Amino acid sequence: MHPAARVLIDVAQRCAAVGLHAAQAYNQAQSKLDLDLVLTQERLSTTEGTRQSRQVLTELRRLTETHKSAYATIVLAATAELRAAITEMPMNLQGEYNTGLVASINWQLNAQSASYATREQWLDAAEAVCELIDSKRETCTFSEEGVHFESDADLARFSELLDVIEQAHQSEVAAVKERLERFGRAATLLAQPPTA
């Protein structure tokens, strides 16, 4: 293995670790928000509970925007470092490594962009549920079976929003699984000892 390739691998490992740390920090901050409580009947059945849920959603939106900014900074810095490492390689290897780098960065950017879009769909739908409940508070009721609306149109809207939330959740689960698998494969490759 060319010494510059080893430098490239070291840079890639360091950048992956920084990205993983940022993702873990985002996930830890999200877990502190108790998102699983946001749309519970216990919360939504009272004005104060709905206000708390809206506050959590606002905080999650702020947290997501902060993570977007941090992610962009990490990607720019990592790309610059990786490109610099590639320029230290022999010319006959630069094209191959550049092609792989571009493909990998594009995949990561597309995956992260999709992740943010899904999170925003979830947020928009959850906020709309809170708005619907607040706007119909005088006429909707809560029971063990769920929320009951006077109007079929309101019930249809509520069901539609819950479907969006569930679809977003399923998309997030699938995306995380795919990214973890991809990260695992990359980590395995990066951890392999150099060949002579």
Protein backbone atom coordinates (compact mmCIF):
# COMPACT_ATOMS: atom_id res chain seq x y z
CA MET A 1 0.00 0.00 0.00
CA HIS A 2 1.31 3.42 -0.92
CA PRO A 3 2.08 5.54 2.19
CA ALA A 4 -0.31 8.25 0.96
CA ALA A 5 -3.08 5.64 0.85
CA ARG A 6 -2.43 4.93 4.53
CA VAL A 7 -2.72 8.68 5.23
CA LEU A 8 -6.00 8.72 3.29
CA ILE A 9 -7.32 5.82 5.37
CA ASP A 10 -6.26 7.55 8.59
CA VAL A 11 -8.06 10.73 7.52
CA ALA A 12 -11.15 8.72 6.53
CA GLN A 13 -11.17 6.94 9.89
CA ARG A 14 -10.84 10.22 11.78
CA CYS A 15 -13.59 11.88 9.72
CA ALA A 16 -15.88 8.87 10.21
CA ALA A 17 -15.27 9.03 13.95
CA VAL A 18 -16.13 12.76 14.03
CA GLY A 19 -19.29 12.15 12.00
CA LEU A 20 -20.29 9.26 14.23
CA HIS A 21 -19.71 11.39 17.33
CA ALA A 22 -21.91 14.16 15.90
CA ALA A 23 -24.67 11.65 15.10
CA GLN A 24 -24.44 10.17 18.59
CA ALA A 25 -24.66 13.63 20.16
CA TYR A 26 -27.75 14.40 18.06
CA ASN A 27 -29.37 11.10 19.01
CA GLN A 28 -28.59 11.60 22.70
CA ALA A 29 -30.06 15.10 22.63
CA GLN A 30 -33.17 13.75 20.87
CA SER A 31 -33.59 11.00 23.47
CA LYS A 32 -33.61 13.62 26.25
CA LEU A 33 -36.65 15.21 24.60
CA ASP A 34 -38.80 12.11 25.26
CA LEU A 35 -40.26 12.21 21.76
CA ASP A 36 -42.33 9.12 22.49
CA LEU A 37 -44.51 11.26 24.81
CA VAL A 38 -45.21 14.06 22.33
CA LEU A 39 -48.30 12.52 20.75
CA THR A 40 -49.63 10.52 23.67
CA GLN A 41 -53.21 11.00 24.79
CA GLU A 42 -51.98 12.01 28.22
CA ARG A 43 -50.20 14.96 26.66
CA LEU A 44 -52.67 15.92 23.97
CA SER A 45 -55.76 15.67 26.18
CA THR A 46 -54.84 18.87 28.02
CA THR A 47 -53.95 22.34 26.86
CA GLU A 48 -50.81 22.29 29.02
CA GLY A 49 -49.76 18.89 27.69
CA THR A 50 -50.19 20.03 24.10
CA ARG A 51 -48.18 23.15 24.90
CA GLN A 52 -45.39 20.93 26.27
CA SER A 53 -45.49 18.81 23.14
CA ARG A 54 -45.25 21.89 20.93
CA GLN A 55 -42.30 23.09 23.00
CA VAL A 56 -40.54 19.74 22.50
CA LEU A 57 -41.20 19.90 18.75
CA THR A 58 -39.75 23.41 18.60
CA GLU A 59 -36.66 22.20 20.46
CA LEU A 60 -36.31 19.22 18.12
CA ARG A 61 -36.54 21.52 15.10
CA ARG A 62 -33.81 23.74 16.60
CA LEU A 63 -31.68 20.71 17.40
CA THR A 64 -32.08 19.38 13.86
CA GLU A 65 -31.07 22.73 12.35
CA THR A 66 -28.00 22.80 14.61
CA HIS A 67 -27.08 19.28 13.52
CA LYS A 68 -27.53 20.22 9.85
CA SER A 69 -25.08 23.07 10.28
CA ALA A 70 -22.57 20.90 12.14
CA TYR A 71 -22.89 18.15 9.54
CA ALA A 72 -22.22 20.60 6.70
CA THR A 73 -19.10 21.85 8.48
CA ILE A 74 -17.86 18.30 9.08
CA VAL A 75 -18.43 17.28 5.46
CA LEU A 76 -16.62 20.33 4.11
CA ALA A 77 -13.64 19.82 6.41
CA ALA A 78 -13.49 16.09 5.74
CA THR A 79 -13.71 16.58 1.98
CA ALA A 80 -10.86 19.09 2.06
CA GLU A 81 -8.69 16.74 4.14
CA LEU A 82 -9.45 13.74 1.96
CA ARG A 83 -8.76 15.66 -1.25
CA ALA A 84 -5.46 16.88 0.19
CA ALA A 85 -4.50 13.31 1.05
CA ILE A 86 -5.39 12.16 -2.47
CA THR A 87 -3.17 14.82 -4.04
CA GLU A 88 -0.22 13.24 -2.21
CA MET A 89 -0.78 9.95 -4.02
CA PRO A 90 0.86 8.98 -7.28
CA MET A 91 -1.01 10.35 -10.30
CA ASN A 92 -1.98 6.86 -11.48
CA LEU A 93 -3.93 6.31 -8.20
CA GLN A 94 -5.49 9.76 -7.82
CA GLY A 95 -8.28 9.21 -10.34
CA GLU A 96 -9.40 5.97 -8.76
CA TYR A 97 -9.41 7.42 -5.25
CA ASN A 98 -11.13 10.64 -6.40
CA THR A 99 -13.89 8.63 -8.09
CA GLY A 100 -14.47 6.57 -4.96
CA LEU A 101 -14.38 9.65 -2.75
CA VAL A 102 -16.92 11.52 -4.85
CA ALA A 103 -19.26 8.51 -4.94
CA SER A 104 -19.00 8.05 -1.19
CA ILE A 105 -19.53 11.73 -0.39
CA ASN A 106 -22.52 11.91 -2.74
CA TRP A 107 -24.08 8.86 -1.10
CA GLN A 108 -23.53 10.33 2.37
CA LEU A 109 -24.97 13.72 1.38
CA ASN A 110 -28.02 12.14 -0.25
CA ALA A 111 -28.61 9.88 2.74
CA GLN A 112 -28.27 12.74 5.21
CA SER A 113 -30.49 15.00 3.11
CA ALA A 114 -33.17 12.29 3.01
CA SER A 115 -32.81 11.86 6.77
CA TYR A 116 -33.39 15.57 7.38
CA ALA A 117 -36.36 15.61 4.98
CA THR A 118 -37.94 12.64 6.78
CA ARG A 119 -37.37 14.25 10.18
CA GLU A 120 -38.98 17.47 8.91
CA GLN A 121 -42.00 15.51 7.59
CA TRP A 122 -42.36 13.92 11.02
CA LEU A 123 -42.07 17.31 12.71
CA ASP A 124 -44.56 18.99 10.36
CA ALA A 125 -47.11 16.20 10.88
CA ALA A 126 -46.64 16.15 14.67
CA GLU A 127 -47.06 19.94 14.83
CA ALA A 128 -50.19 19.63 12.66
CA VAL A 129 -51.61 17.03 15.08
CA CYS A 130 -51.09 19.46 17.97
CA GLU A 131 -52.71 22.27 15.96
CA LEU A 132 -55.68 20.07 15.04
CA ILE A 133 -56.21 18.99 18.65
CA ASP A 134 -55.96 22.58 19.89
CA SER A 135 -58.35 23.86 17.23
CA LYS A 136 -60.92 21.15 18.06
CA ARG A 137 -60.35 20.98 21.81
CA GLU A 138 -63.94 22.01 22.57
CA THR A 139 -65.43 19.23 20.45
CA CYS A 140 -62.94 16.35 20.48
CA THR A 141 -62.84 13.79 23.26
CA PHE A 142 -60.30 11.26 24.49
CA SER A 143 -60.99 7.71 25.60
CA GLU A 144 -59.16 4.40 25.87
CA GLU A 145 -59.87 3.87 22.16
CA GLY A 146 -58.21 7.13 21.16
CA VAL A 147 -59.22 10.61 20.07
CA HIS A 148 -62.78 11.15 18.86
CA PHE A 149 -63.71 14.02 16.59
CA GLU A 150 -67.16 15.41 15.88
CA SER A 151 -66.34 15.82 12.21
CA ASP A 152 -65.40 12.98 9.87
CA ALA A 153 -63.14 15.41 8.04
CA ASP A 154 -61.21 16.09 11.24
CA LEU A 155 -60.90 12.38 11.94
CA ALA A 156 -59.67 11.80 8.37
CA ARG A 157 -57.12 14.60 8.76
CA PHE A 158 -55.94 13.16 12.09
CA SER A 159 -55.58 9.67 10.58
CA GLU A 160 -53.73 11.10 7.58
CA LEU A 161 -51.25 12.88 9.87
CA LEU A 162 -50.67 9.73 11.91
CA ASP A 163 -49.98 7.86 8.66
CA VAL A 164 -47.36 10.45 7.69
CA ILE A 165 -45.76 10.11 11.13
CA GLU A 166 -45.67 6.32 10.86
CA GLN A 167 -44.25 6.41 7.33
CA ALA A 168 -41.56 8.87 8.44
CA HIS A 169 -40.70 6.63 11.37
CA GLN A 170 -40.41 3.55 9.16
CA SER A 171 -38.23 5.48 6.70
CA GLU A 172 -35.96 6.62 9.53
CA VAL A 173 -35.60 3.08 10.87
CA ALA A 174 -34.74 1.71 7.41
CA ALA A 175 -32.28 4.53 6.72
CA VAL A 176 -30.48 4.06 10.05
CA LYS A 177 -30.20 0.34 9.40
CA GLU A 178 -28.76 0.93 5.93
CA ARG A 179 -26.28 3.54 7.18
CA LEU A 180 -25.12 1.31 10.03
CA GLU A 181 -24.58 -1.58 7.63
CA ARG A 182 -22.67 0.67 5.24
CA PHE A 183 -20.62 2.14 8.08
CA GLY A 184 -19.84 -1.36 9.35
CA ARG A 185 -18.59 -2.45 5.92
CA ALA A 186 -16.48 0.70 5.59
CA ALA A 187 -15.04 0.30 9.08
CA THR A 188 -14.10 -3.28 8.28
CA LEU A 189 -12.33 -2.19 5.12
CA LEU A 190 -10.55 0.68 6.83
CA ALA A 191 -9.40 -1.57 9.68
CA GLN A 192 -7.77 -4.12 7.40
CA PRO A 193 -3.98 -4.23 7.73
CA PRO A 194 -2.01 -2.82 4.80
CA THR A 195 -0.97 -5.28 2.13
CA ALA A 196 2.55 -5.32 0.77
